[in-house]
Amino acid sequence: MEEATHHEQGEQEEEGGGEALVPSFPTGRVKKIVKLDNEIRKLNSEALFLISLSADLFLDSLVLGARSAVIQKKRRTIKPDHIRSAVRAHRPTADFLLDCLPKATPPPPKPASGAKTRSAEGKPLPSGTRRIDEFFRKPS
């Protein structure tokens, strides 16, 4: 009797501890993405399941790396630069993904001492209106 329960517990451990793995991506979409590769003609359901779980694990590791970069820089929002630093930190990921990410953009320059930089001709006027500076111009 004890051997039977011990054997059943061993089978549950081999199957992942009785916990069912559910991919977070829709399998139909994953299949469409995989089918974009012309070399792949047929896709087994088990392979599709493993690809979906692998993509989920990969994104989890990428998000954790980006999260640690955000915490290190004392920010609250994950930006593309944080993802780039997470990719750079993991060498195998950097080998194939770093070229695909957009280049880091420098931050826009801040206006000097609170002066508002609006161009007078930048915005179109509503119909029937004119700019106030035209009112004060001397006729030539």
Protein backbone atom coordinates (compact mmCIF):
# COMPACT_ATOMS: atom_id res chain seq x y z
CA MET A 1 0.00 0.00 0.00
CA GLU A 2 2.80 2.43 0.89
CA GLU A 3 4.65 1.53 -2.31
CA ALA A 4 1.65 2.50 -4.44
CA THR A 5 1.34 5.97 -2.85
CA HIS A 6 5.11 6.48 -3.07
CA HIS A 7 5.03 5.50 -6.75
CA GLU A 8 2.16 7.95 -7.44
CA GLN A 9 4.07 10.76 -5.71
CA GLY A 10 7.12 10.01 -7.85
CA GLU A 11 5.02 10.22 -11.01
CA GLN A 12 3.60 13.58 -9.93
CA GLU A 13 7.11 14.94 -9.31
CA GLU A 14 8.21 13.79 -12.76
CA GLU A 15 5.22 15.51 -14.36
CA GLY A 16 6.16 18.88 -12.86
CA GLY A 17 4.80 18.53 -9.34
CA GLY A 18 1.17 18.21 -10.41
CA GLU A 19 1.21 21.77 -11.68
CA ALA A 20 -0.15 22.31 -15.20
CA LEU A 21 1.89 24.61 -17.42
CA VAL A 22 -0.26 27.03 -19.36
CA PRO A 23 1.35 29.27 -21.98
CA SER A 24 0.42 32.93 -21.70
CA PHE A 25 0.47 33.50 -25.47
CA PRO A 26 -2.40 32.39 -27.71
CA THR A 27 -1.25 29.30 -29.59
CA GLY A 28 -2.92 30.45 -32.82
CA ARG A 29 -0.83 33.60 -32.93
CA VAL A 30 2.35 31.76 -32.05
CA LYS A 31 1.63 29.31 -34.86
CA LYS A 32 1.12 32.18 -37.33
CA ILE A 33 4.43 33.74 -36.30
CA VAL A 34 6.28 30.44 -36.64
CA LYS A 35 4.68 29.84 -40.04
CA LEU A 36 6.24 33.09 -41.29
CA ASP A 37 9.48 31.13 -41.57
CA ASN A 38 9.44 29.55 -45.04
CA GLU A 39 11.58 26.61 -43.92
CA ILE A 40 8.93 25.33 -41.50
CA ARG A 41 6.16 23.39 -43.24
CA LYS A 42 4.41 21.58 -40.36
CA LEU A 43 4.28 22.31 -36.67
CA ASN A 44 3.63 19.69 -34.01
CA SER A 45 1.33 20.72 -31.14
CA GLU A 46 3.98 19.76 -28.56
CA ALA A 47 6.57 21.88 -30.38
CA LEU A 48 4.13 24.78 -30.50
CA PHE A 49 3.52 24.39 -26.76
CA LEU A 50 7.28 24.38 -26.03
CA ILE A 51 7.91 27.39 -28.27
CA SER A 52 5.18 29.32 -26.48
CA LEU A 53 6.55 28.43 -23.03
CA SER A 54 10.10 29.27 -24.15
CA ALA A 55 9.02 32.68 -25.38
CA ASP A 56 7.26 33.26 -22.07
CA LEU A 57 10.40 32.34 -20.11
CA PHE A 58 12.57 34.52 -22.34
CA LEU A 59 10.33 37.55 -21.88
CA ASP A 60 10.21 36.94 -18.12
CA SER A 61 14.01 37.00 -17.94
CA LEU A 62 14.15 40.10 -20.14
CA VAL A 63 11.62 41.92 -17.95
CA LEU A 64 13.49 40.94 -14.78
CA GLY A 65 16.72 42.31 -16.26
CA ALA A 66 15.00 45.54 -17.28
CA ARG A 67 13.40 45.77 -13.83
CA SER A 68 16.79 45.50 -12.14
CA ALA A 69 18.13 48.23 -14.46
CA VAL A 70 15.19 50.47 -13.51
CA ILE A 71 15.77 49.86 -9.81
CA GLN A 72 19.49 50.53 -10.20
CA LYS A 73 18.83 53.88 -11.90
CA LYS A 74 16.07 54.71 -9.38
CA ARG A 75 13.34 55.15 -11.98
CA ARG A 76 9.72 54.04 -12.08
CA THR A 77 9.13 53.43 -15.78
CA ILE A 78 10.83 50.85 -17.98
CA LYS A 79 12.18 52.55 -21.10
CA PRO A 80 13.96 51.13 -24.16
CA ASP A 81 17.34 52.04 -22.64
CA HIS A 82 16.60 49.78 -19.67
CA ILE A 83 15.77 46.90 -22.00
CA ARG A 84 19.02 47.53 -23.90
CA SER A 85 21.00 47.36 -20.66
CA ALA A 86 19.23 44.12 -19.70
CA VAL A 87 20.09 42.63 -23.10
CA ARG A 88 23.71 43.76 -22.79
CA ALA A 89 23.99 42.16 -19.35
CA HIS A 90 23.04 38.70 -20.67
CA ARG A 91 25.68 37.76 -23.25
CA PRO A 92 23.77 35.07 -25.22
CA THR A 93 20.82 37.41 -25.59
CA ALA A 94 23.05 40.30 -26.61
CA ASP A 95 24.53 38.24 -29.45
CA PHE A 96 21.26 38.02 -31.36
CA LEU A 97 19.00 40.75 -29.99
CA LEU A 98 21.17 43.83 -29.57
CA ASP A 99 21.23 44.54 -33.31
CA CYS A 100 17.42 44.40 -33.52
CA LEU A 101 16.77 46.96 -30.78
CA PRO A 102 16.49 50.64 -31.71
CA LYS A 103 19.53 52.78 -31.01
CA ALA A 104 19.59 54.80 -27.81
CA THR A 105 18.23 58.28 -28.36
CA PRO A 106 19.70 61.24 -26.49
CA PRO A 107 17.21 63.06 -24.27
CA PRO A 108 15.74 66.24 -25.79
CA PRO A 109 17.41 69.46 -24.61
CA LYS A 110 15.56 71.26 -21.87
CA PRO A 111 14.46 74.87 -22.42
CA ALA A 112 16.73 77.43 -20.76
CA SER A 113 15.55 78.88 -17.43
CA GLY A 114 11.85 78.27 -17.81
CA ALA A 115 11.50 80.30 -21.01
CA LYS A 116 8.76 78.96 -23.21
CA THR A 117 9.88 78.37 -26.76
CA ARG A 118 6.81 78.71 -28.92
CA SER A 119 7.09 79.62 -32.52
CA ALA A 120 4.57 82.26 -33.53
CA GLU A 121 4.07 80.64 -36.90
CA GLY A 122 4.12 77.05 -35.66
CA LYS A 123 0.39 76.65 -35.03
CA PRO A 124 -2.31 77.52 -37.55
CA LEU A 125 -4.89 80.04 -36.42
CA PRO A 126 -8.61 79.35 -36.32
CA SER A 127 -10.60 80.96 -39.11
CA GLY A 128 -11.56 84.58 -38.55
CA THR A 129 -8.75 85.33 -36.08
CA ARG A 130 -5.38 87.05 -36.31
CA ARG A 131 -2.31 87.22 -34.14
CA ILE A 132 -2.03 89.95 -31.56
CA ASP A 133 1.36 91.08 -32.86
CA GLU A 134 -0.30 91.99 -36.17
CA PHE A 135 -2.54 94.42 -34.27
CA PHE A 136 0.44 96.35 -32.90
CA ARG A 137 2.41 96.54 -36.15
CA LYS A 138 2.68 99.90 -37.84
CA PRO A 139 1.33 99.96 -41.36
CA SER A 140 4.08 100.48 -43.89
